[in-house]
Amino acid sequence: PGESLEEAVRRETFEETGIEVGDVIYHSSQPWP
């Protein structure tokens, strides 16, 4: 098992912007045809 979606969001946001993100909550997704 690797990192969760929420962990990836925190890591990628920090890597790209230098901003540390706190709690991330997955709301939903929209599949596009």
C-alpha atoms as a PDB file:
ATOM      1  CA  PRO A   1       0.000   0.000   0.000  1.00  0.00           C
ATOM      2  CA  GLY A   2       1.235   3.413  -0.976  1.00  0.00           C
ATOM      3  CA  GLU A   3      -0.022   6.822   0.023  1.00  0.00           C
ATOM      4  CA  SER A   4      -3.710   7.639   0.155  1.00  0.00           C
ATOM      5  CA  LEU A   5      -5.398  10.148  -2.136  1.00  0.00           C
ATOM      6  CA  GLU A   6      -5.516  12.649   0.719  1.00  0.00           C
ATOM      7  CA  GLU A   7      -1.801  12.185   1.450  1.00  0.00           C
ATOM      8  CA  ALA A   8      -0.985  12.667  -2.236  1.00  0.00           C
ATOM      9  CA  VAL A   9      -2.962  15.930  -2.323  1.00  0.00           C
ATOM     10  CA  ARG A  10      -1.037  17.264   0.690  1.00  0.00           C
ATOM     11  CA  ARG A  11       2.336  16.196  -0.738  1.00  0.00           C
ATOM     12  CA  GLU A  12       1.723  17.471  -4.272  1.00  0.00           C
ATOM     13  CA  THR A  13       0.364  20.800  -3.035  1.00  0.00           C
ATOM     14  CA  PHE A  14       3.453  21.321  -0.882  1.00  0.00           C
ATOM     15  CA  GLU A  15       5.842  20.248  -3.658  1.00  0.00           C
ATOM     16  CA  GLU A  16       4.267  22.570  -6.221  1.00  0.00           C
ATOM     17  CA  THR A  17       3.458  25.617  -4.074  1.00  0.00           C
ATOM     18  CA  GLY A  18       5.308  25.324  -0.763  1.00  0.00           C
ATOM     19  CA  ILE A  19       1.962  25.564   1.047  1.00  0.00           C
ATOM     20  CA  GLU A  20       1.325  23.026   3.795  1.00  0.00           C
ATOM     21  CA  VAL A  21      -2.215  21.654   3.670  1.00  0.00           C
ATOM     22  CA  GLY A  22      -3.987  20.358   6.774  1.00  0.00           C
ATOM     23  CA  ASP A  23      -6.888  17.931   6.705  1.00  0.00           C
ATOM     24  CA  VAL A  24      -8.025  16.851   3.253  1.00  0.00           C
ATOM     25  CA  ILE A  25     -11.479  15.328   2.852  1.00  0.00           C
ATOM     26  CA  TYR A  26     -12.435  13.412  -0.281  1.00  0.00           C
ATOM     27  CA  HIS A  27     -15.902  14.619  -1.274  1.00  0.00           C
ATOM     28  CA  SER A  28     -16.787  12.814  -4.491  1.00  0.00           C
ATOM     29  CA  SER A  29     -15.761  12.272  -8.083  1.00  0.00           C
ATOM     30  CA  GLN A  30     -17.386  12.883 -11.448  1.00  0.00           C
ATOM     31  CA  PRO A  31     -16.793  10.254 -14.114  1.00  0.00           C
ATOM     32  CA  TRP A  32     -16.746  11.821 -17.546  1.00  0.00           C
ATOM     33  CA  PRO A  33     -17.747   9.723 -20.548  1.00  0.00           C
END
